[in-house]
N, C-alpha and C. Protein backbone atom coordinates (compact mmCIF):
# COMPACT_ATOMS: atom_id res chain seq x y z
N MET A 1 91.26 94.36 70.74
CA MET A 1 92.33 94.90 71.56
C MET A 1 93.11 93.76 72.22
N LEU A 2 94.43 93.82 72.15
CA LEU A 2 95.26 92.74 72.66
C LEU A 2 95.03 92.50 74.15
N ILE A 3 94.99 93.56 74.95
CA ILE A 3 94.74 93.47 76.39
C ILE A 3 93.74 94.55 76.75
N GLU A 4 92.74 94.21 77.54
CA GLU A 4 91.72 95.17 77.93
C GLU A 4 92.32 96.31 78.75
N SER A 5 91.72 97.49 78.62
CA SER A 5 92.23 98.66 79.34
C SER A 5 92.15 98.47 80.85
N SER A 6 91.11 97.77 81.33
CA SER A 6 90.99 97.53 82.77
C SER A 6 92.12 96.63 83.27
N THR A 7 92.51 95.66 82.45
CA THR A 7 93.62 94.78 82.82
C THR A 7 94.93 95.55 82.85
N LEU A 8 95.13 96.41 81.86
CA LEU A 8 96.34 97.23 81.84
C LEU A 8 96.39 98.17 83.04
N ALA A 9 95.24 98.74 83.40
CA ALA A 9 95.20 99.66 84.55
C ALA A 9 95.53 98.91 85.84
N ALA A 10 94.97 97.71 86.02
CA ALA A 10 95.26 96.93 87.22
C ALA A 10 96.73 96.53 87.27
N PHE A 11 97.28 96.15 86.14
CA PHE A 11 98.70 95.78 86.10
C PHE A 11 99.58 96.98 86.38
N ALA A 12 99.22 98.13 85.82
CA ALA A 12 100.00 99.34 86.06
C ALA A 12 99.99 99.72 87.54
N LEU A 13 98.83 99.56 88.19
CA LEU A 13 98.75 99.85 89.62
C LEU A 13 99.65 98.92 90.42
N LEU A 14 99.64 97.64 90.07
CA LEU A 14 100.52 96.69 90.75
C LEU A 14 101.98 97.06 90.56
N CYS A 15 102.36 97.39 89.33
CA CYS A 15 103.75 97.75 89.05
C CYS A 15 104.16 99.01 89.81
N PHE A 16 103.25 99.98 89.89
CA PHE A 16 103.56 101.20 90.63
C PHE A 16 103.75 100.89 92.11
N GLY A 17 102.86 100.06 92.65
CA GLY A 17 102.99 99.69 94.06
C GLY A 17 104.31 98.99 94.35
N LEU A 18 104.70 98.08 93.47
CA LEU A 18 105.98 97.39 93.67
C LEU A 18 107.17 98.33 93.46
N ALA A 19 107.03 99.27 92.52
CA ALA A 19 108.13 100.19 92.24
C ALA A 19 108.43 101.10 93.42
N ILE A 20 107.40 101.49 94.18
CA ILE A 20 107.63 102.38 95.32
C ILE A 20 107.83 101.62 96.62
N THR A 21 107.80 100.28 96.54
CA THR A 21 108.10 99.48 97.73
C THR A 21 109.60 99.34 97.86
N PRO A 22 110.18 99.69 99.01
CA PRO A 22 111.64 99.62 99.16
C PRO A 22 112.18 98.22 98.88
N GLY A 23 113.23 98.17 98.11
CA GLY A 23 113.90 96.93 97.78
C GLY A 23 115.34 97.22 97.41
N PRO A 24 116.10 96.21 97.01
CA PRO A 24 117.52 96.43 96.69
C PRO A 24 117.75 97.50 95.63
N ASN A 25 116.92 97.52 94.58
CA ASN A 25 117.10 98.51 93.53
C ASN A 25 116.93 99.93 94.06
N MET A 26 115.82 100.17 94.77
CA MET A 26 115.55 101.52 95.26
C MET A 26 116.62 101.98 96.25
N ILE A 27 116.98 101.11 97.18
CA ILE A 27 117.96 101.49 98.19
C ILE A 27 119.30 101.82 97.53
N TYR A 28 119.71 100.98 96.57
CA TYR A 28 120.99 101.24 95.89
C TYR A 28 120.94 102.55 95.11
N LEU A 29 119.88 102.76 94.33
CA LEU A 29 119.79 103.96 93.50
C LEU A 29 119.73 105.23 94.34
N LEU A 30 118.94 105.22 95.42
CA LEU A 30 118.86 106.40 96.28
C LEU A 30 120.19 106.65 97.00
N SER A 31 120.82 105.57 97.46
CA SER A 31 122.10 105.72 98.15
C SER A 31 123.15 106.26 97.19
N ARG A 32 123.16 105.72 95.97
CA ARG A 32 124.14 106.18 94.98
C ARG A 32 123.91 107.64 94.64
N SER A 33 122.65 108.03 94.45
CA SER A 33 122.35 109.42 94.08
C SER A 33 122.67 110.38 95.21
N ALA A 34 122.35 109.98 96.46
CA ALA A 34 122.64 110.84 97.59
C ALA A 34 124.14 111.00 97.81
N SER A 35 124.92 109.96 97.47
CA SER A 35 126.36 109.99 97.71
C SER A 35 127.14 110.61 96.55
N GLN A 36 126.69 110.38 95.31
CA GLN A 36 127.48 110.77 94.15
C GLN A 36 126.74 111.67 93.18
N GLY A 37 125.49 111.98 93.45
CA GLY A 37 124.76 112.89 92.58
C GLY A 37 123.77 112.17 91.67
N ALA A 38 122.86 112.98 91.10
CA ALA A 38 121.79 112.42 90.27
C ALA A 38 122.33 111.76 89.01
N LYS A 39 123.38 112.31 88.42
CA LYS A 39 123.93 111.72 87.19
C LYS A 39 124.38 110.29 87.42
N ALA A 40 125.07 110.06 88.53
CA ALA A 40 125.51 108.71 88.87
C ALA A 40 124.32 107.80 89.10
N GLY A 41 123.27 108.34 89.73
CA GLY A 41 122.07 107.54 89.95
C GLY A 41 121.39 107.14 88.65
N LEU A 42 121.35 108.06 87.70
CA LEU A 42 120.71 107.77 86.42
C LEU A 42 121.51 106.76 85.61
N ILE A 43 122.84 106.83 85.69
CA ILE A 43 123.67 105.82 85.01
C ILE A 43 123.41 104.45 85.62
N SER A 44 123.33 104.40 86.94
CA SER A 44 123.02 103.14 87.62
C SER A 44 121.64 102.64 87.21
N LEU A 45 120.70 103.57 87.06
CA LEU A 45 119.34 103.20 86.67
C LEU A 45 119.32 102.58 85.28
N SER A 46 120.20 103.03 84.39
CA SER A 46 120.24 102.43 83.06
C SER A 46 120.65 100.96 83.15
N GLY A 47 121.54 100.63 84.08
CA GLY A 47 121.90 99.23 84.29
C GLY A 47 120.73 98.44 84.84
N VAL A 48 119.98 99.04 85.75
CA VAL A 48 118.79 98.40 86.30
C VAL A 48 117.79 98.12 85.18
N GLY A 49 117.62 99.08 84.27
CA GLY A 49 116.70 98.92 83.15
C GLY A 49 117.08 97.76 82.25
N VAL A 50 118.37 97.61 81.98
CA VAL A 50 118.83 96.48 81.16
C VAL A 50 118.55 95.16 81.87
N GLY A 51 118.72 95.16 83.18
CA GLY A 51 118.40 93.96 83.96
C GLY A 51 116.94 93.59 83.83
N PHE A 52 116.06 94.58 83.91
CA PHE A 52 114.62 94.34 83.72
C PHE A 52 114.35 93.77 82.33
N LEU A 53 115.03 94.32 81.32
CA LEU A 53 114.82 93.87 79.95
C LEU A 53 115.24 92.41 79.78
N ILE A 54 116.34 92.03 80.39
CA ILE A 54 116.80 90.64 80.33
C ILE A 54 115.78 89.71 80.96
N TYR A 55 115.33 90.05 82.15
CA TYR A 55 114.32 89.24 82.83
C TYR A 55 113.03 89.15 82.01
N MET A 56 112.63 90.28 81.45
CA MET A 56 111.38 90.32 80.70
C MET A 56 111.43 89.42 79.47
N LEU A 57 112.54 89.46 78.73
CA LEU A 57 112.65 88.64 77.53
C LEU A 57 112.72 87.15 77.88
N LEU A 58 113.46 86.81 78.91
CA LEU A 58 113.54 85.41 79.33
C LEU A 58 112.17 84.89 79.75
N ALA A 59 111.46 85.70 80.53
CA ALA A 59 110.14 85.28 81.00
C ALA A 59 109.13 85.24 79.86
N ALA A 60 109.21 86.22 78.95
CA ALA A 60 108.24 86.29 77.86
C ALA A 60 108.27 85.02 77.02
N PHE A 61 109.45 84.55 76.68
CA PHE A 61 109.55 83.35 75.86
C PHE A 61 109.30 82.09 76.67
N GLY A 62 109.85 82.04 77.89
CA GLY A 62 109.69 80.83 78.70
C GLY A 62 108.30 80.64 79.25
N VAL A 63 107.72 81.70 79.84
CA VAL A 63 106.39 81.59 80.43
C VAL A 63 105.34 81.42 79.35
N SER A 64 105.51 82.09 78.21
CA SER A 64 104.55 81.94 77.12
C SER A 64 104.45 80.49 76.69
N ALA A 65 105.59 79.83 76.53
CA ALA A 65 105.59 78.42 76.14
C ALA A 65 104.96 77.55 77.23
N LEU A 66 105.23 77.89 78.49
CA LEU A 66 104.70 77.09 79.61
C LEU A 66 103.19 77.18 79.68
N LEU A 67 102.65 78.38 79.55
CA LEU A 67 101.20 78.56 79.65
C LEU A 67 100.46 77.83 78.53
N LEU A 68 101.10 77.73 77.38
CA LEU A 68 100.46 77.07 76.25
C LEU A 68 100.60 75.55 76.33
N ALA A 69 101.64 75.07 77.00
CA ALA A 69 101.93 73.63 77.00
C ALA A 69 101.37 72.90 78.21
N VAL A 70 101.27 73.56 79.36
CA VAL A 70 100.87 72.90 80.60
C VAL A 70 99.53 73.45 81.06
N PRO A 71 98.48 72.60 81.13
CA PRO A 71 97.13 73.08 81.46
C PRO A 71 97.03 73.83 82.79
N TYR A 72 97.73 73.37 83.82
CA TYR A 72 97.58 73.96 85.15
C TYR A 72 98.72 74.92 85.50
N ALA A 73 99.47 75.34 84.50
CA ALA A 73 100.60 76.24 84.77
C ALA A 73 100.12 77.57 85.33
N TYR A 74 98.98 78.08 84.81
CA TYR A 74 98.48 79.36 85.30
C TYR A 74 98.18 79.31 86.79
N ASP A 75 97.51 78.24 87.24
CA ASP A 75 97.17 78.13 88.65
C ASP A 75 98.42 78.07 89.52
N ALA A 76 99.43 77.34 89.06
CA ALA A 76 100.67 77.25 89.83
C ALA A 76 101.34 78.62 89.93
N LEU A 77 101.39 79.35 88.83
CA LEU A 77 102.00 80.67 88.85
C LEU A 77 101.17 81.65 89.67
N ARG A 78 99.84 81.52 89.58
CA ARG A 78 98.96 82.41 90.34
C ARG A 78 99.18 82.25 91.84
N LEU A 79 99.22 81.02 92.30
CA LEU A 79 99.38 80.77 93.74
C LEU A 79 100.78 81.18 94.21
N THR A 80 101.78 80.95 93.35
CA THR A 80 103.15 81.38 93.70
C THR A 80 103.22 82.89 93.82
N GLY A 81 102.60 83.59 92.87
CA GLY A 81 102.59 85.04 92.93
C GLY A 81 101.86 85.57 94.14
N ALA A 82 100.73 84.94 94.48
CA ALA A 82 99.97 85.37 95.66
C ALA A 82 100.78 85.16 96.93
N ALA A 83 101.47 84.03 97.01
CA ALA A 83 102.30 83.75 98.18
C ALA A 83 103.43 84.76 98.31
N TYR A 84 104.01 85.15 97.18
CA TYR A 84 105.11 86.11 97.23
C TYR A 84 104.62 87.49 97.67
N LEU A 85 103.47 87.92 97.16
CA LEU A 85 102.92 89.21 97.59
C LEU A 85 102.58 89.18 99.07
N ALA A 86 102.05 88.05 99.54
CA ALA A 86 101.74 87.92 100.96
C ALA A 86 103.01 88.00 101.80
N TYR A 87 104.09 87.42 101.29
CA TYR A 87 105.38 87.50 101.99
C TYR A 87 105.87 88.94 102.08
N LEU A 88 105.77 89.68 100.98
CA LEU A 88 106.18 91.09 100.99
C LEU A 88 105.33 91.90 101.97
N ALA A 89 104.03 91.60 102.00
CA ALA A 89 103.14 92.31 102.92
C ALA A 89 103.53 92.02 104.37
N TRP A 90 103.83 90.76 104.68
CA TRP A 90 104.22 90.39 106.04
C TRP A 90 105.54 91.05 106.43
N GLN A 91 106.48 91.09 105.50
CA GLN A 91 107.77 91.73 105.79
C GLN A 91 107.58 93.20 106.14
N ALA A 92 106.59 93.85 105.54
CA ALA A 92 106.34 95.26 105.83
C ALA A 92 105.59 95.45 107.13
N LEU A 93 104.66 94.54 107.44
CA LEU A 93 103.75 94.75 108.57
C LEU A 93 104.15 94.02 109.84
N LYS A 94 105.09 93.09 109.78
CA LYS A 94 105.43 92.31 110.97
C LYS A 94 106.00 93.21 112.07
N PRO A 95 105.75 92.87 113.32
CA PRO A 95 106.25 93.68 114.44
C PRO A 95 107.77 93.85 114.39
N GLY A 96 108.20 95.08 114.58
CA GLY A 96 109.63 95.36 114.61
C GLY A 96 110.26 95.59 113.26
N SER A 97 109.47 95.51 112.18
CA SER A 97 110.05 95.72 110.86
C SER A 97 110.33 97.20 110.65
N THR A 98 111.27 97.49 109.77
CA THR A 98 111.60 98.87 109.43
C THR A 98 111.11 99.15 108.03
N SER A 99 111.20 100.39 107.61
CA SER A 99 110.71 100.77 106.29
C SER A 99 111.60 100.25 105.17
N GLY A 100 112.84 99.92 105.48
CA GLY A 100 113.76 99.45 104.45
C GLY A 100 114.40 100.56 103.65
N LEU A 101 114.18 101.80 104.05
CA LEU A 101 114.69 102.93 103.28
C LEU A 101 115.93 103.57 103.91
N GLN A 102 116.67 102.80 104.67
CA GLN A 102 117.88 103.35 105.26
C GLN A 102 118.97 103.49 104.18
N LEU A 103 119.31 104.73 103.86
CA LEU A 103 120.34 104.96 102.85
C LEU A 103 121.72 104.79 103.45
N ARG A 104 122.70 104.56 102.58
CA ARG A 104 124.06 104.34 103.05
C ARG A 104 125.03 105.12 102.18
N GLU A 105 126.18 105.43 102.74
CA GLU A 105 127.22 106.14 102.00
C GLU A 105 127.92 105.19 101.05
N LEU A 106 128.17 105.65 99.81
CA LEU A 106 128.87 104.84 98.81
C LEU A 106 130.03 105.64 98.24
N ASN A 107 131.13 104.97 97.98
CA ASN A 107 132.28 105.63 97.38
C ASN A 107 132.02 105.93 95.91
N PRO A 108 132.56 107.04 95.38
CA PRO A 108 132.37 107.37 93.96
C PRO A 108 132.92 106.28 93.05
N ASP A 109 132.20 105.99 91.97
CA ASP A 109 132.63 104.97 91.00
C ASP A 109 132.55 105.54 89.59
N SER A 110 133.22 104.87 88.65
CA SER A 110 133.22 105.27 87.25
C SER A 110 131.88 104.94 86.62
N PRO A 111 131.53 105.60 85.50
CA PRO A 111 130.27 105.30 84.82
C PRO A 111 130.12 103.82 84.48
N ARG A 112 131.20 103.19 84.04
CA ARG A 112 131.13 101.77 83.68
C ARG A 112 130.76 100.93 84.90
N LYS A 113 131.38 101.22 86.02
CA LYS A 113 131.08 100.45 87.23
C LYS A 113 129.68 100.77 87.74
N LEU A 114 129.24 102.02 87.60
CA LEU A 114 127.90 102.40 88.01
C LEU A 114 126.86 101.58 87.24
N PHE A 115 127.06 101.49 85.92
CA PHE A 115 126.14 100.71 85.10
C PHE A 115 126.16 99.24 85.50
N SER A 116 127.36 98.70 85.68
CA SER A 116 127.49 97.28 86.04
C SER A 116 126.85 96.98 87.39
N MET A 117 127.04 97.88 88.35
CA MET A 117 126.46 97.66 89.67
C MET A 117 124.93 97.72 89.62
N GLY A 118 124.39 98.66 88.81
CA GLY A 118 122.94 98.73 88.66
C GLY A 118 122.39 97.46 88.03
N LEU A 119 123.08 96.97 87.00
CA LEU A 119 122.66 95.74 86.34
C LEU A 119 122.71 94.55 87.29
N LEU A 120 123.82 94.42 88.01
CA LEU A 120 123.98 93.29 88.92
C LEU A 120 122.98 93.35 90.07
N THR A 121 122.76 94.55 90.60
CA THR A 121 121.80 94.70 91.69
C THR A 121 120.42 94.21 91.28
N ASN A 122 120.03 94.52 90.05
CA ASN A 122 118.71 94.11 89.59
C ASN A 122 118.66 92.61 89.27
N LEU A 123 119.69 92.08 88.64
CA LEU A 123 119.68 90.67 88.29
C LEU A 123 119.68 89.78 89.54
N LEU A 124 120.21 90.30 90.64
CA LEU A 124 120.23 89.53 91.88
C LEU A 124 119.05 89.86 92.80
N ASN A 125 118.11 90.66 92.28
CA ASN A 125 116.96 91.10 93.06
C ASN A 125 115.82 90.08 92.92
N PRO A 126 115.45 89.35 93.96
CA PRO A 126 114.39 88.35 93.83
C PRO A 126 113.04 88.95 93.47
N LYS A 127 112.80 90.21 93.84
CA LYS A 127 111.53 90.84 93.50
C LYS A 127 111.37 90.98 92.00
N ALA A 128 112.46 91.27 91.29
CA ALA A 128 112.40 91.39 89.84
C ALA A 128 112.10 90.05 89.20
N ALA A 129 112.76 89.01 89.68
CA ALA A 129 112.54 87.68 89.12
C ALA A 129 111.11 87.21 89.34
N MET A 130 110.60 87.41 90.57
CA MET A 130 109.25 86.96 90.88
C MET A 130 108.20 87.75 90.09
N LEU A 131 108.47 89.01 89.84
CA LEU A 131 107.53 89.83 89.09
C LEU A 131 107.26 89.22 87.72
N TYR A 132 108.31 88.84 87.03
CA TYR A 132 108.15 88.33 85.67
C TYR A 132 107.72 86.87 85.63
N LEU A 133 108.17 86.08 86.57
CA LEU A 133 107.90 84.65 86.52
C LEU A 133 106.54 84.26 87.08
N SER A 134 106.03 85.02 88.05
CA SER A 134 104.78 84.60 88.66
C SER A 134 103.69 85.66 88.70
N LEU A 135 104.05 86.94 88.70
CA LEU A 135 103.03 87.98 88.78
C LEU A 135 102.54 88.42 87.41
N LEU A 136 103.46 88.62 86.49
CA LEU A 136 103.08 89.10 85.17
C LEU A 136 102.10 88.16 84.44
N PRO A 137 102.29 86.83 84.53
CA PRO A 137 101.35 85.93 83.83
C PRO A 137 99.91 86.03 84.31
N GLN A 138 99.67 86.60 85.52
CA GLN A 138 98.30 86.71 86.01
C GLN A 138 97.44 87.58 85.09
N PHE A 139 98.07 88.44 84.32
CA PHE A 139 97.34 89.38 83.49
C PHE A 139 97.32 88.98 82.02
N ILE A 140 97.77 87.76 81.74
CA ILE A 140 97.75 87.25 80.38
C ILE A 140 96.41 86.55 80.12
N HIS A 141 95.81 86.81 78.99
CA HIS A 141 94.58 86.13 78.58
C HIS A 141 94.93 85.22 77.39
N ALA A 142 95.20 83.95 77.70
CA ALA A 142 95.62 83.02 76.67
C ALA A 142 94.56 82.84 75.60
N GLU A 143 93.29 82.99 75.98
CA GLU A 143 92.21 82.79 75.01
C GLU A 143 92.20 83.86 73.92
N ARG A 144 92.86 84.98 74.16
CA ARG A 144 92.95 86.04 73.16
C ARG A 144 94.06 85.78 72.14
N GLY A 145 94.90 84.79 72.43
CA GLY A 145 96.01 84.50 71.54
C GLY A 145 97.16 85.49 71.72
N GLN A 146 98.20 85.31 70.91
CA GLN A 146 99.37 86.20 70.93
C GLN A 146 99.91 86.38 72.36
N VAL A 147 100.11 85.24 73.05
CA VAL A 147 100.57 85.27 74.44
C VAL A 147 101.91 86.00 74.54
N LEU A 148 102.81 85.72 73.61
CA LEU A 148 104.12 86.37 73.65
C LEU A 148 103.98 87.88 73.51
N ALA A 149 103.12 88.33 72.61
CA ALA A 149 102.92 89.77 72.43
C ALA A 149 102.34 90.40 73.69
N GLN A 150 101.44 89.70 74.36
CA GLN A 150 100.88 90.21 75.62
C GLN A 150 101.96 90.33 76.68
N MET A 151 102.82 89.32 76.77
CA MET A 151 103.91 89.36 77.75
C MET A 151 104.84 90.54 77.48
N LEU A 152 105.16 90.75 76.22
CA LEU A 152 106.07 91.84 75.88
C LEU A 152 105.43 93.20 76.17
N LEU A 153 104.14 93.31 75.91
CA LEU A 153 103.44 94.57 76.18
C LEU A 153 103.42 94.87 77.68
N LEU A 154 103.06 93.87 78.48
CA LEU A 154 103.01 94.06 79.92
C LEU A 154 104.41 94.30 80.49
N GLY A 155 105.39 93.55 79.99
CA GLY A 155 106.76 93.74 80.45
C GLY A 155 107.28 95.12 80.13
N GLY A 156 106.96 95.61 78.92
CA GLY A 156 107.38 96.96 78.55
C GLY A 156 106.73 98.01 79.42
N LEU A 157 105.46 97.80 79.77
CA LEU A 157 104.76 98.74 80.66
C LEU A 157 105.40 98.75 82.04
N GLN A 158 105.74 97.57 82.55
CA GLN A 158 106.38 97.50 83.86
C GLN A 158 107.71 98.24 83.87
N ILE A 159 108.51 98.02 82.84
CA ILE A 159 109.81 98.68 82.77
C ILE A 159 109.64 100.19 82.71
N ALA A 160 108.68 100.66 81.91
CA ALA A 160 108.44 102.11 81.80
C ALA A 160 108.05 102.70 83.14
N ILE A 161 107.17 102.03 83.87
CA ILE A 161 106.73 102.53 85.17
C ILE A 161 107.88 102.54 86.17
N SER A 162 108.63 101.43 86.22
CA SER A 162 109.74 101.34 87.17
C SER A 162 110.80 102.39 86.89
N MET A 163 111.15 102.57 85.61
CA MET A 163 112.18 103.55 85.26
C MET A 163 111.70 104.97 85.58
N THR A 164 110.43 105.25 85.34
CA THR A 164 109.89 106.59 85.63
C THR A 164 109.90 106.87 87.13
N VAL A 165 109.41 105.91 87.92
CA VAL A 165 109.37 106.08 89.37
C VAL A 165 110.77 106.26 89.92
N ASN A 166 111.67 105.36 89.57
CA ASN A 166 113.03 105.44 90.11
C ASN A 166 113.79 106.65 89.59
N GLY A 167 113.53 107.04 88.35
CA GLY A 167 114.17 108.24 87.82
C GLY A 167 113.79 109.48 88.61
N ASN A 168 112.53 109.59 88.94
CA ASN A 168 112.08 110.74 89.75
C ASN A 168 112.63 110.67 91.17
N LEU A 169 112.70 109.47 91.74
CA LEU A 169 113.27 109.33 93.07
C LEU A 169 114.74 109.74 93.09
N ILE A 170 115.45 109.38 92.02
CA ILE A 170 116.87 109.75 91.93
C ILE A 170 117.04 111.27 91.94
N LEU A 171 116.17 111.96 91.21
CA LEU A 171 116.29 113.41 91.11
C LEU A 171 116.02 114.12 92.42
N ILE A 172 115.30 113.47 93.33
CA ILE A 172 115.01 114.10 94.62
C ILE A 172 115.58 113.28 95.77
N ALA A 173 116.63 112.52 95.48
CA ALA A 173 117.21 111.63 96.48
C ALA A 173 117.65 112.37 97.73
N GLY A 174 118.27 113.54 97.55
CA GLY A 174 118.73 114.30 98.70
C GLY A 174 117.58 114.72 99.61
N ARG A 175 116.48 115.15 99.00
CA ARG A 175 115.31 115.56 99.79
C ARG A 175 114.69 114.36 100.51
N ILE A 176 114.69 113.20 99.85
CA ILE A 176 114.14 112.00 100.47
C ILE A 176 114.96 111.62 101.70
N ALA A 177 116.28 111.70 101.56
CA ALA A 177 117.16 111.36 102.69
C ALA A 177 116.89 112.27 103.88
N ALA A 178 116.74 113.57 103.59
CA ALA A 178 116.46 114.51 104.68
C ALA A 178 115.10 114.26 105.30
N LEU A 179 114.11 113.94 104.47
CA LEU A 179 112.76 113.67 104.96
C LEU A 179 112.75 112.47 105.89
N LEU A 180 113.47 111.42 105.52
CA LEU A 180 113.50 110.21 106.34
C LEU A 180 114.18 110.46 107.69
N GLN A 181 115.18 111.34 107.69
CA GLN A 181 115.88 111.65 108.93
C GLN A 181 115.04 112.53 109.85
N GLN A 182 114.28 113.45 109.27
CA GLN A 182 113.54 114.43 110.07
C GLN A 182 112.14 113.95 110.44
N ARG A 183 111.57 113.05 109.63
CA ARG A 183 110.20 112.62 109.86
C ARG A 183 110.10 111.09 109.79
N PRO A 184 110.47 110.42 110.86
CA PRO A 184 110.42 108.96 110.86
C PRO A 184 109.00 108.42 110.69
N ARG A 185 107.98 109.22 111.04
CA ARG A 185 106.60 108.75 110.87
C ARG A 185 106.26 108.54 109.40
N PHE A 186 106.93 109.29 108.51
CA PHE A 186 106.69 109.12 107.08
C PHE A 186 107.07 107.71 106.65
N ALA A 187 108.19 107.22 107.13
CA ALA A 187 108.63 105.87 106.79
C ALA A 187 107.66 104.83 107.32
N GLN A 188 107.14 105.04 108.53
CA GLN A 188 106.18 104.11 109.10
C GLN A 188 104.87 104.10 108.31
N LEU A 189 104.43 105.28 107.88
CA LEU A 189 103.21 105.37 107.07
C LEU A 189 103.38 104.64 105.75
N GLN A 190 104.54 104.83 105.12
CA GLN A 190 104.81 104.15 103.86
C GLN A 190 104.80 102.64 104.04
N LYS A 191 105.37 102.18 105.16
CA LYS A 191 105.44 100.75 105.44
C LYS A 191 104.05 100.15 105.56
N TRP A 192 103.18 100.79 106.34
CA TRP A 192 101.84 100.26 106.55
C TRP A 192 100.99 100.35 105.29
N LEU A 193 101.14 101.42 104.55
CA LEU A 193 100.36 101.59 103.32
C LEU A 193 100.69 100.48 102.33
N MET A 194 101.98 100.26 102.08
CA MET A 194 102.36 99.27 101.09
C MET A 194 102.08 97.85 101.58
N GLY A 195 102.22 97.61 102.87
CA GLY A 195 101.89 96.29 103.40
C GLY A 195 100.43 95.95 103.19
N THR A 196 99.56 96.94 103.42
CA THR A 196 98.13 96.74 103.23
C THR A 196 97.78 96.50 101.76
N VAL A 197 98.36 97.31 100.88
CA VAL A 197 98.09 97.17 99.45
C VAL A 197 98.56 95.81 98.93
N LEU A 198 99.78 95.42 99.29
CA LEU A 198 100.31 94.15 98.82
C LEU A 198 99.51 92.98 99.37
N GLY A 199 99.07 93.09 100.63
CA GLY A 199 98.26 92.03 101.21
C GLY A 199 96.93 91.89 100.48
N GLY A 200 96.31 93.01 100.15
CA GLY A 200 95.06 92.96 99.40
C GLY A 200 95.23 92.35 98.03
N LEU A 201 96.33 92.69 97.35
CA LEU A 201 96.59 92.11 96.04
C LEU A 201 96.84 90.61 96.14
N ALA A 202 97.50 90.17 97.21
CA ALA A 202 97.76 88.74 97.40
C ALA A 202 96.45 87.97 97.54
N VAL A 203 95.52 88.51 98.33
CA VAL A 203 94.23 87.84 98.52
C VAL A 203 93.46 87.80 97.20
N ARG A 204 93.44 88.91 96.49
CA ARG A 204 92.73 88.95 95.21
C ARG A 204 93.31 87.95 94.23
N MET A 205 94.62 87.86 94.16
CA MET A 205 95.26 86.95 93.23
C MET A 205 94.99 85.49 93.60
N ALA A 206 95.01 85.19 94.89
CA ALA A 206 94.79 83.82 95.34
C ALA A 206 93.37 83.35 95.03
N LEU A 207 92.41 84.28 95.07
CA LEU A 207 91.01 83.93 94.84
C LEU A 207 90.61 84.00 93.38
N ASP A 208 91.50 84.46 92.53
CA ASP A 208 91.18 84.63 91.12
C ASP A 208 91.28 83.29 90.40
N SER A 209 90.14 82.73 90.06
CA SER A 209 90.12 81.43 89.39
C SER A 209 89.43 81.53 88.03
N ARG A 210 89.59 82.66 87.36
CA ARG A 210 88.86 82.89 86.12
C ARG A 210 89.41 82.08 84.96
N ARG A 211 90.59 81.44 85.11
CA ARG A 211 91.13 80.65 84.00
C ARG A 211 91.37 79.22 84.43
């Protein structure tokens, strides 16, 4: 088997946690859907998906070559990924932080612009870049060979999870907006939950010296 099922499950959990953590992509997609409808949100999501695909292909070829050529590349990427997860956890848990889910009104745009804005939002999203450059390689087993194939498999899984999560959020964007307005404790619970999960993943990644 190219990648063990336990490794795929752990990676899928990480991707799900990051997908439901508020960031530029989620805020834009929910705001667009609440302002212009689910169809506009889904068109924007297609642009986000293309952005993920671009990042995934660039990282798959670049990181694969790096892991094979530089002996300590894995450790450098591991520590960078752990530091980034710790940063996300701190941003969620620090005193005075907000949930990050404040939606905003957006003017209606054409399908072409919706797609372009979704693509640009994702390409300029540091969370997307860090996911592929430093987090995804943690789940690669170079000793199994076919590093590029492993990267593509994991990248494809991440894209599928992100598109599924955001697609469902788009379809219920109006309800989410109402929930956030009526129940502020929900946003606080989400903030603490994701901060704790990301912090735990950061510690696990930093201590992982199996390669």
